[in-house]
Amino acid sequence: MLYLKEINFDDIEKEYLFVCVIPVDENGFTNQWHGCTREEFDEVVRKRMAYSKGEELPEGYVPETFFYLWKEDVIVGEFRIRHFLCESLIEGAGHIGYFIGKEYRGRGYATEGLRLLLELARKIVPEEEIYLRVLKSNTPSFKVICKNGAYVAGEDETHYLLRVNK
């Protein structure tokens, strides 16, 4: 069974082992904590939890909640919801970002994880639609997002801008 769980200190050991190996940037999903130490990760979790409350946000950031996708007792993915959009996010990253561990890809986890996250986003996001962006070269992610009801609202040279109705 797959389920989402908000970042927390109770699961910090498993969260750390998952996050520290996510690349700095893979297919547009960024991870500034790649390679951090276990000691540094305590602060990462504290900050991420503060961000979800709109606290300690860096300049230009909006509140954002981090979730992990679990399959039983193993983390298989990380998902983020930005609570609302600022100007840079409208044509940029949008409301949602996600990453599935390489060893877990191709099993439907992204599709189900995004479905679960969209349920939560519909309660959090004030905009009429949920915004996502995907690299044109990332066909698997494009398919996952479309399976979850998205339509192409626009594009630029490298990305599709996708929208999901609330």
N, C-alpha and C. Protein backbone atom coordinates (compact mmCIF):
# COMPACT_ATOMS: atom_id res chain seq x y z
N MET A 1 0.83 -1.18 0.00
CA MET A 1 0.00 0.00 0.00
C MET A 1 0.87 1.25 0.00
N LEU A 2 0.53 2.21 -0.84
CA LEU A 2 1.24 3.48 -0.92
C LEU A 2 0.50 4.54 -0.14
N TYR A 3 1.27 5.38 0.57
CA TYR A 3 0.66 6.49 1.29
C TYR A 3 1.67 7.63 1.41
N LEU A 4 1.14 8.83 1.57
CA LEU A 4 1.96 10.02 1.78
C LEU A 4 2.03 10.33 3.26
N LYS A 5 3.20 10.79 3.68
CA LYS A 5 3.39 11.17 5.07
C LYS A 5 4.22 12.45 5.09
N GLU A 6 3.74 13.44 5.83
CA GLU A 6 4.46 14.71 5.91
C GLU A 6 5.80 14.49 6.61
N ILE A 7 6.80 15.28 6.19
CA ILE A 7 8.12 15.21 6.80
C ILE A 7 8.00 15.32 8.32
N ASN A 8 8.82 14.56 9.03
CA ASN A 8 8.75 14.56 10.49
C ASN A 8 10.05 14.05 11.08
N PHE A 9 10.23 14.28 12.35
CA PHE A 9 11.45 13.82 13.03
C PHE A 9 11.40 12.34 13.38
N ASP A 10 10.22 11.75 13.49
CA ASP A 10 10.13 10.33 13.84
C ASP A 10 10.75 9.43 12.77
N ASP A 11 10.67 9.86 11.52
CA ASP A 11 11.18 9.05 10.40
C ASP A 11 12.49 9.61 9.84
N ILE A 12 13.20 10.40 10.61
CA ILE A 12 14.34 11.15 10.09
C ILE A 12 15.43 10.27 9.50
N GLU A 13 15.66 9.11 10.06
CA GLU A 13 16.74 8.25 9.54
C GLU A 13 16.42 7.81 8.11
N LYS A 14 15.20 7.38 7.86
CA LYS A 14 14.82 6.95 6.52
C LYS A 14 14.71 8.14 5.58
N GLU A 15 14.20 9.26 6.08
CA GLU A 15 14.13 10.47 5.26
C GLU A 15 15.54 10.89 4.83
N TYR A 16 16.46 10.87 5.76
CA TYR A 16 17.84 11.25 5.44
C TYR A 16 18.43 10.35 4.36
N LEU A 17 18.30 9.06 4.52
CA LEU A 17 18.88 8.13 3.55
C LEU A 17 18.29 8.33 2.16
N PHE A 18 17.04 8.75 2.08
CA PHE A 18 16.41 9.00 0.79
C PHE A 18 16.88 10.33 0.21
N VAL A 19 16.83 11.40 1.00
CA VAL A 19 17.11 12.75 0.50
C VAL A 19 18.58 12.95 0.13
N CYS A 20 19.49 12.42 0.90
CA CYS A 20 20.90 12.72 0.66
C CYS A 20 21.43 12.17 -0.66
N VAL A 21 20.70 11.24 -1.29
CA VAL A 21 21.15 10.70 -2.57
C VAL A 21 20.35 11.23 -3.77
N ILE A 22 19.29 12.02 -3.50
CA ILE A 22 18.58 12.65 -4.62
C ILE A 22 19.56 13.62 -5.28
N PRO A 23 19.73 13.57 -6.59
CA PRO A 23 20.68 14.47 -7.26
C PRO A 23 20.33 15.95 -7.01
N VAL A 24 21.30 16.80 -7.19
CA VAL A 24 21.11 18.24 -7.03
C VAL A 24 20.02 18.74 -7.98
N ASP A 25 20.00 18.21 -9.20
CA ASP A 25 18.97 18.58 -10.18
C ASP A 25 18.81 17.41 -11.14
N GLU A 26 17.63 16.81 -11.11
CA GLU A 26 17.33 15.75 -12.06
C GLU A 26 15.97 16.02 -12.66
N ASN A 27 15.95 16.24 -13.95
CA ASN A 27 14.71 16.50 -14.68
C ASN A 27 13.92 17.67 -14.08
N GLY A 28 14.64 18.67 -13.55
CA GLY A 28 13.99 19.85 -13.01
C GLY A 28 13.65 19.76 -11.54
N PHE A 29 13.78 18.59 -10.93
CA PHE A 29 13.56 18.46 -9.49
C PHE A 29 14.88 18.78 -8.80
N THR A 30 14.88 19.82 -7.98
CA THR A 30 16.12 20.25 -7.34
C THR A 30 16.18 19.79 -5.89
N ASN A 31 17.39 19.55 -5.44
CA ASN A 31 17.64 19.08 -4.07
C ASN A 31 18.93 19.70 -3.57
N GLN A 32 18.81 20.79 -2.85
CA GLN A 32 20.00 21.48 -2.35
C GLN A 32 20.68 20.73 -1.22
N TRP A 33 20.06 19.64 -0.74
CA TRP A 33 20.63 18.90 0.38
C TRP A 33 21.32 17.61 -0.05
N HIS A 34 21.55 17.45 -1.34
CA HIS A 34 22.28 16.28 -1.83
C HIS A 34 23.63 16.21 -1.12
N GLY A 35 23.96 15.06 -0.59
CA GLY A 35 25.26 14.86 0.03
C GLY A 35 25.42 15.46 1.41
N CYS A 36 24.35 15.98 2.00
CA CYS A 36 24.49 16.56 3.34
C CYS A 36 24.79 15.45 4.35
N THR A 37 25.34 15.85 5.47
CA THR A 37 25.63 14.88 6.53
C THR A 37 24.37 14.61 7.34
N ARG A 38 24.39 13.55 8.10
CA ARG A 38 23.25 13.23 8.96
C ARG A 38 23.02 14.34 9.97
N GLU A 39 24.10 14.92 10.50
CA GLU A 39 23.97 16.00 11.47
C GLU A 39 23.32 17.23 10.83
N GLU A 40 23.69 17.54 9.61
CA GLU A 40 23.10 18.68 8.90
C GLU A 40 21.62 18.44 8.60
N PHE A 41 21.24 17.19 8.45
CA PHE A 41 19.87 16.88 8.07
C PHE A 41 18.85 17.23 9.15
N ASP A 42 19.25 17.23 10.41
CA ASP A 42 18.35 17.68 11.48
C ASP A 42 17.85 19.09 11.17
N GLU A 43 18.77 19.96 10.74
CA GLU A 43 18.40 21.33 10.41
C GLU A 43 17.55 21.38 9.14
N VAL A 44 17.81 20.51 8.19
CA VAL A 44 17.01 20.44 6.97
C VAL A 44 15.56 20.14 7.33
N VAL A 45 15.34 19.14 8.16
CA VAL A 45 13.98 18.77 8.55
C VAL A 45 13.32 19.92 9.31
N ARG A 46 14.04 20.53 10.24
CA ARG A 46 13.49 21.64 11.00
C ARG A 46 13.06 22.77 10.07
N LYS A 47 13.93 23.12 9.09
CA LYS A 47 13.61 24.19 8.15
C LYS A 47 12.42 23.82 7.26
N ARG A 48 12.42 22.61 6.76
CA ARG A 48 11.31 22.18 5.89
C ARG A 48 9.99 22.23 6.64
N MET A 49 10.00 21.86 7.90
CA MET A 49 8.78 21.93 8.71
C MET A 49 8.37 23.39 8.93
N ALA A 50 9.33 24.27 9.12
CA ALA A 50 9.04 25.69 9.28
C ALA A 50 8.48 26.27 7.98
N TYR A 51 9.04 25.86 6.84
CA TYR A 51 8.56 26.36 5.54
C TYR A 51 7.07 26.06 5.35
N SER A 52 6.62 24.91 5.83
CA SER A 52 5.22 24.54 5.65
C SER A 52 4.30 25.48 6.43
N LYS A 53 4.84 26.13 7.45
CA LYS A 53 4.07 27.09 8.24
C LYS A 53 4.30 28.53 7.76
N GLY A 54 5.09 28.69 6.68
CA GLY A 54 5.39 30.02 6.17
C GLY A 54 6.46 30.72 6.98
N GLU A 55 7.21 29.98 7.76
CA GLU A 55 8.24 30.55 8.62
C GLU A 55 9.63 30.34 8.01
N GLU A 56 10.52 31.30 8.25
CA GLU A 56 11.93 31.21 7.85
C GLU A 56 12.13 31.04 6.35
N LEU A 57 11.18 31.52 5.57
CA LEU A 57 11.26 31.35 4.12
C LEU A 57 12.34 32.26 3.54
N PRO A 58 13.18 31.72 2.66
CA PRO A 58 14.12 32.58 1.94
C PRO A 58 13.37 33.59 1.08
N GLU A 59 14.01 34.68 0.75
CA GLU A 59 13.41 35.72 -0.09
C GLU A 59 12.85 35.11 -1.38
N GLY A 60 11.61 35.45 -1.70
CA GLY A 60 10.98 34.99 -2.93
C GLY A 60 10.33 33.61 -2.84
N TYR A 61 10.43 32.94 -1.70
CA TYR A 61 9.82 31.62 -1.53
C TYR A 61 8.41 31.76 -0.98
N VAL A 62 7.59 30.74 -1.21
CA VAL A 62 6.24 30.66 -0.65
C VAL A 62 6.19 29.44 0.27
N PRO A 63 5.22 29.37 1.16
CA PRO A 63 5.10 28.18 2.01
C PRO A 63 5.02 26.91 1.16
N GLU A 64 5.68 25.88 1.66
CA GLU A 64 5.80 24.63 0.90
C GLU A 64 5.83 23.48 1.90
N THR A 65 5.05 22.45 1.64
CA THR A 65 5.03 21.28 2.52
C THR A 65 5.64 20.10 1.79
N PHE A 66 6.50 19.38 2.50
CA PHE A 66 7.22 18.22 1.97
C PHE A 66 6.57 16.94 2.48
N PHE A 67 6.39 16.00 1.58
CA PHE A 67 5.82 14.70 1.90
C PHE A 67 6.72 13.61 1.33
N TYR A 68 6.67 12.46 1.97
CA TYR A 68 7.34 11.27 1.43
C TYR A 68 6.27 10.27 1.05
N LEU A 69 6.52 9.60 -0.07
CA LEU A 69 5.66 8.51 -0.51
C LEU A 69 6.26 7.22 0.03
N TRP A 70 5.48 6.53 0.82
CA TRP A 70 5.91 5.30 1.45
C TRP A 70 5.21 4.11 0.81
N LYS A 71 5.96 3.04 0.64
CA LYS A 71 5.39 1.72 0.31
C LYS A 71 5.69 0.86 1.52
N GLU A 72 4.67 0.65 2.30
CA GLU A 72 4.80 -0.01 3.59
C GLU A 72 5.78 0.79 4.45
N ASP A 73 6.98 0.28 4.75
CA ASP A 73 7.90 1.02 5.61
C ASP A 73 9.13 1.54 4.86
N VAL A 74 9.01 1.68 3.54
CA VAL A 74 10.12 2.15 2.70
C VAL A 74 9.71 3.42 1.96
N ILE A 75 10.56 4.43 2.00
CA ILE A 75 10.30 5.65 1.24
C ILE A 75 10.68 5.40 -0.21
N VAL A 76 9.74 5.70 -1.13
CA VAL A 76 9.99 5.51 -2.55
C VAL A 76 9.99 6.83 -3.33
N GLY A 77 9.52 7.91 -2.68
CA GLY A 77 9.47 9.19 -3.39
C GLY A 77 9.33 10.37 -2.45
N GLU A 78 9.62 11.55 -2.99
CA GLU A 78 9.43 12.80 -2.27
C GLU A 78 8.52 13.69 -3.10
N PHE A 79 7.57 14.35 -2.45
CA PHE A 79 6.61 15.23 -3.10
C PHE A 79 6.56 16.55 -2.34
N ARG A 80 6.31 17.65 -3.07
CA ARG A 80 6.22 18.97 -2.47
C ARG A 80 4.98 19.69 -3.00
N ILE A 81 4.31 20.40 -2.11
CA ILE A 81 3.22 21.29 -2.51
C ILE A 81 3.61 22.70 -2.10
N ARG A 82 3.65 23.60 -3.08
CA ARG A 82 3.77 25.02 -2.77
C ARG A 82 2.34 25.53 -2.57
N HIS A 83 2.10 26.16 -1.44
CA HIS A 83 0.73 26.48 -1.02
C HIS A 83 0.02 27.47 -1.93
N PHE A 84 0.76 28.36 -2.55
CA PHE A 84 0.19 29.30 -3.51
C PHE A 84 1.31 29.74 -4.43
N LEU A 85 0.95 30.45 -5.47
CA LEU A 85 1.94 30.84 -6.47
C LEU A 85 2.33 32.31 -6.33
N CYS A 86 3.61 32.56 -6.48
CA CYS A 86 4.10 33.93 -6.68
C CYS A 86 4.35 34.05 -8.19
N GLU A 87 4.67 35.22 -8.65
CA GLU A 87 4.81 35.46 -10.09
C GLU A 87 5.80 34.49 -10.74
N SER A 88 6.93 34.23 -10.09
CA SER A 88 7.94 33.36 -10.70
C SER A 88 7.48 31.91 -10.81
N LEU A 89 6.57 31.48 -9.98
CA LEU A 89 6.09 30.10 -10.02
C LEU A 89 5.01 29.86 -11.06
N ILE A 90 4.32 30.93 -11.48
CA ILE A 90 3.24 30.77 -12.45
C ILE A 90 3.76 30.19 -13.77
N GLU A 91 4.83 30.71 -14.27
CA GLU A 91 5.45 30.18 -15.49
C GLU A 91 6.64 29.29 -15.15
N GLY A 92 6.89 29.13 -13.85
CA GLY A 92 8.01 28.33 -13.39
C GLY A 92 7.55 26.98 -12.88
N ALA A 93 8.06 26.61 -11.71
CA ALA A 93 7.87 25.26 -11.17
C ALA A 93 6.44 24.91 -10.80
N GLY A 94 5.59 25.91 -10.57
CA GLY A 94 4.21 25.62 -10.23
C GLY A 94 4.03 25.21 -8.78
N HIS A 95 2.93 24.51 -8.51
CA HIS A 95 2.59 24.11 -7.15
C HIS A 95 3.29 22.84 -6.68
N ILE A 96 3.59 21.94 -7.60
CA ILE A 96 4.00 20.59 -7.21
C ILE A 96 5.33 20.19 -7.84
N GLY A 97 6.13 19.53 -7.03
CA GLY A 97 7.35 18.89 -7.51
C GLY A 97 7.41 17.49 -6.91
N TYR A 98 8.00 16.56 -7.64
CA TYR A 98 8.12 15.21 -7.09
C TYR A 98 9.32 14.49 -7.67
N PHE A 99 9.78 13.49 -6.91
CA PHE A 99 10.93 12.67 -7.29
C PHE A 99 10.64 11.25 -6.82
N ILE A 100 10.85 10.30 -7.71
CA ILE A 100 10.75 8.87 -7.36
C ILE A 100 12.16 8.28 -7.45
N GLY A 101 12.55 7.54 -6.42
CA GLY A 101 13.86 6.90 -6.43
C GLY A 101 14.03 6.04 -7.68
N LYS A 102 15.23 6.06 -8.24
CA LYS A 102 15.47 5.35 -9.51
C LYS A 102 15.07 3.88 -9.44
N GLU A 103 15.32 3.24 -8.33
CA GLU A 103 15.02 1.82 -8.22
C GLU A 103 13.52 1.54 -8.12
N TYR A 104 12.70 2.59 -7.96
CA TYR A 104 11.25 2.42 -7.82
C TYR A 104 10.46 2.92 -9.03
N ARG A 105 11.15 3.38 -10.04
CA ARG A 105 10.46 3.94 -11.21
C ARG A 105 9.86 2.84 -12.08
N GLY A 106 8.82 3.23 -12.83
CA GLY A 106 8.18 2.29 -13.75
C GLY A 106 7.21 1.33 -13.08
N ARG A 107 6.84 1.61 -11.83
CA ARG A 107 5.93 0.72 -11.09
C ARG A 107 4.60 1.39 -10.76
N GLY A 108 4.38 2.59 -11.28
CA GLY A 108 3.13 3.29 -11.01
C GLY A 108 3.14 4.13 -9.75
N TYR A 109 4.28 4.18 -9.05
CA TYR A 109 4.35 4.93 -7.80
C TYR A 109 4.16 6.43 -8.02
N ALA A 110 4.73 6.96 -9.08
CA ALA A 110 4.58 8.40 -9.35
C ALA A 110 3.12 8.74 -9.63
N THR A 111 2.46 7.92 -10.41
CA THR A 111 1.05 8.16 -10.74
C THR A 111 0.19 8.16 -9.47
N GLU A 112 0.37 7.17 -8.64
CA GLU A 112 -0.43 7.09 -7.41
C GLU A 112 -0.01 8.17 -6.41
N GLY A 113 1.28 8.43 -6.29
CA GLY A 113 1.75 9.48 -5.39
C GLY A 113 1.20 10.85 -5.79
N LEU A 114 1.22 11.14 -7.08
CA LEU A 114 0.69 12.41 -7.54
C LEU A 114 -0.82 12.48 -7.31
N ARG A 115 -1.52 11.39 -7.52
CA ARG A 115 -2.97 11.37 -7.25
C ARG A 115 -3.24 11.71 -5.79
N LEU A 116 -2.49 11.10 -4.89
CA LEU A 116 -2.66 11.37 -3.46
C LEU A 116 -2.31 12.82 -3.13
N LEU A 117 -1.25 13.32 -3.74
CA LEU A 117 -0.83 14.70 -3.48
C LEU A 117 -1.84 15.70 -4.02
N LEU A 118 -2.42 15.42 -5.17
CA LEU A 118 -3.44 16.31 -5.73
C LEU A 118 -4.66 16.40 -4.81
N GLU A 119 -5.01 15.30 -4.14
CA GLU A 119 -6.10 15.36 -3.17
C GLU A 119 -5.79 16.38 -2.08
N LEU A 120 -4.56 16.37 -1.60
CA LEU A 120 -4.15 17.33 -0.57
C LEU A 120 -4.07 18.74 -1.14
N ALA A 121 -3.52 18.86 -2.34
CA ALA A 121 -3.35 20.17 -2.97
C ALA A 121 -4.70 20.85 -3.17
N ARG A 122 -5.70 20.11 -3.48
CA ARG A 122 -7.04 20.69 -3.70
C ARG A 122 -7.57 21.37 -2.43
N LYS A 123 -7.10 20.93 -1.27
CA LYS A 123 -7.51 21.53 0.00
C LYS A 123 -6.64 22.73 0.39
N ILE A 124 -5.41 22.79 -0.14
CA ILE A 124 -4.44 23.81 0.25
C ILE A 124 -4.38 24.97 -0.73
N VAL A 125 -4.34 24.66 -2.00
CA VAL A 125 -4.09 25.64 -3.06
C VAL A 125 -5.30 26.54 -3.26
N PRO A 126 -5.12 27.87 -3.20
CA PRO A 126 -6.26 28.77 -3.40
C PRO A 126 -6.59 29.04 -4.88
N GLU A 127 -5.62 28.85 -5.77
CA GLU A 127 -5.87 29.09 -7.19
C GLU A 127 -6.91 28.12 -7.72
N GLU A 128 -7.53 28.49 -8.82
CA GLU A 128 -8.59 27.66 -9.41
C GLU A 128 -8.05 26.37 -10.03
N GLU A 129 -6.78 26.39 -10.40
CA GLU A 129 -6.14 25.21 -10.99
C GLU A 129 -4.82 24.96 -10.28
N ILE A 130 -4.35 23.73 -10.39
CA ILE A 130 -3.05 23.37 -9.83
C ILE A 130 -2.05 23.35 -10.98
N TYR A 131 -0.98 24.11 -10.81
CA TYR A 131 0.03 24.31 -11.86
C TYR A 131 1.18 23.34 -11.69
N LEU A 132 1.58 22.74 -12.80
CA LEU A 132 2.76 21.88 -12.84
C LEU A 132 3.57 22.22 -14.09
N ARG A 133 4.83 21.91 -14.06
CA ARG A 133 5.69 22.11 -15.22
C ARG A 133 6.56 20.88 -15.36
N VAL A 134 6.79 20.47 -16.61
CA VAL A 134 7.61 19.28 -16.86
C VAL A 134 8.50 19.54 -18.07
N LEU A 135 9.72 19.03 -18.01
CA LEU A 135 10.61 19.11 -19.15
C LEU A 135 10.03 18.32 -20.31
N LYS A 136 10.11 18.85 -21.51
CA LYS A 136 9.63 18.13 -22.69
C LYS A 136 10.37 16.81 -22.86
N SER A 137 11.59 16.75 -22.39
CA SER A 137 12.38 15.52 -22.51
C SER A 137 12.01 14.47 -21.47
N ASN A 138 11.18 14.81 -20.50
CA ASN A 138 10.80 13.88 -19.43
C ASN A 138 9.42 13.27 -19.73
N THR A 139 9.39 12.42 -20.75
CA THR A 139 8.15 11.81 -21.19
C THR A 139 7.45 11.01 -20.08
N PRO A 140 8.17 10.22 -19.27
CA PRO A 140 7.46 9.48 -18.21
C PRO A 140 6.70 10.40 -17.25
N SER A 141 7.31 11.50 -16.84
CA SER A 141 6.63 12.41 -15.92
C SER A 141 5.46 13.11 -16.60
N PHE A 142 5.63 13.47 -17.86
CA PHE A 142 4.52 14.07 -18.61
C PHE A 142 3.32 13.14 -18.61
N LYS A 143 3.56 11.85 -18.84
CA LYS A 143 2.47 10.86 -18.86
C LYS A 143 1.81 10.72 -17.49
N VAL A 144 2.64 10.72 -16.44
CA VAL A 144 2.11 10.61 -15.07
C VAL A 144 1.17 11.78 -14.78
N ILE A 145 1.59 12.98 -15.12
CA ILE A 145 0.80 14.17 -14.83
C ILE A 145 -0.50 14.14 -15.64
N CYS A 146 -0.41 13.76 -16.90
CA CYS A 146 -1.61 13.69 -17.74
C CYS A 146 -2.58 12.61 -17.25
N LYS A 147 -2.05 11.47 -16.76
CA LYS A 147 -2.92 10.41 -16.21
C LYS A 147 -3.71 10.93 -15.02
N ASN A 148 -3.20 11.97 -14.38
CA ASN A 148 -3.86 12.56 -13.23
C ASN A 148 -4.74 13.75 -13.61
N GLY A 149 -5.12 13.83 -14.88
CA GLY A 149 -6.10 14.81 -15.31
C GLY A 149 -5.57 16.13 -15.79
N ALA A 150 -4.28 16.25 -16.00
CA ALA A 150 -3.71 17.52 -16.46
C ALA A 150 -3.93 17.73 -17.94
N TYR A 151 -3.93 19.01 -18.31
CA TYR A 151 -3.94 19.38 -19.71
C TYR A 151 -2.80 20.36 -19.95
N VAL A 152 -2.34 20.42 -21.19
CA VAL A 152 -1.26 21.33 -21.55
C VAL A 152 -1.85 22.73 -21.72
N ALA A 153 -1.38 23.66 -20.88
CA ALA A 153 -1.87 25.04 -20.92
C ALA A 153 -0.92 25.95 -21.68
N GLY A 154 0.27 25.47 -21.95
CA GLY A 154 1.26 26.26 -22.68
C GLY A 154 2.58 25.52 -22.73
N GLU A 155 3.55 26.14 -23.35
CA GLU A 155 4.87 25.54 -23.43
C GLU A 155 5.88 26.63 -23.76
N ASP A 156 7.14 26.33 -23.46
CA ASP A 156 8.24 27.15 -23.90
C ASP A 156 9.21 26.22 -24.63
N GLU A 157 10.42 26.64 -24.86
CA GLU A 157 11.35 25.80 -25.62
C GLU A 157 11.62 24.46 -24.96
N THR A 158 11.64 24.41 -23.62
CA THR A 158 12.06 23.20 -22.92
C THR A 158 10.99 22.55 -22.06
N HIS A 159 9.89 23.25 -21.76
CA HIS A 159 8.90 22.75 -20.80
C HIS A 159 7.47 22.79 -21.36
N TYR A 160 6.67 21.88 -20.81
CA TYR A 160 5.22 21.97 -20.94
C TYR A 160 4.70 22.56 -19.64
N LEU A 161 3.76 23.48 -19.75
CA LEU A 161 3.06 24.03 -18.59
C LEU A 161 1.72 23.32 -18.51
N LEU A 162 1.51 22.60 -17.43
CA LEU A 162 0.32 21.76 -17.27
C LEU A 162 -0.57 22.28 -16.16
N ARG A 163 -1.85 22.02 -16.27
CA ARG A 163 -2.82 22.46 -15.27
C ARG A 163 -3.76 21.31 -14.96
N VAL A 164 -4.12 21.22 -13.68
CA VAL A 164 -5.11 20.25 -13.23
C VAL A 164 -6.22 21.03 -12.58
N ASN A 165 -7.45 20.79 -13.01
CA ASN A 165 -8.60 21.45 -12.39
C ASN A 165 -8.79 20.97 -10.96
N LYS A 166 -9.19 21.88 -10.12
CA LYS A 166 -9.45 21.52 -8.73
C LYS A 166 -10.79 20.84 -8.62
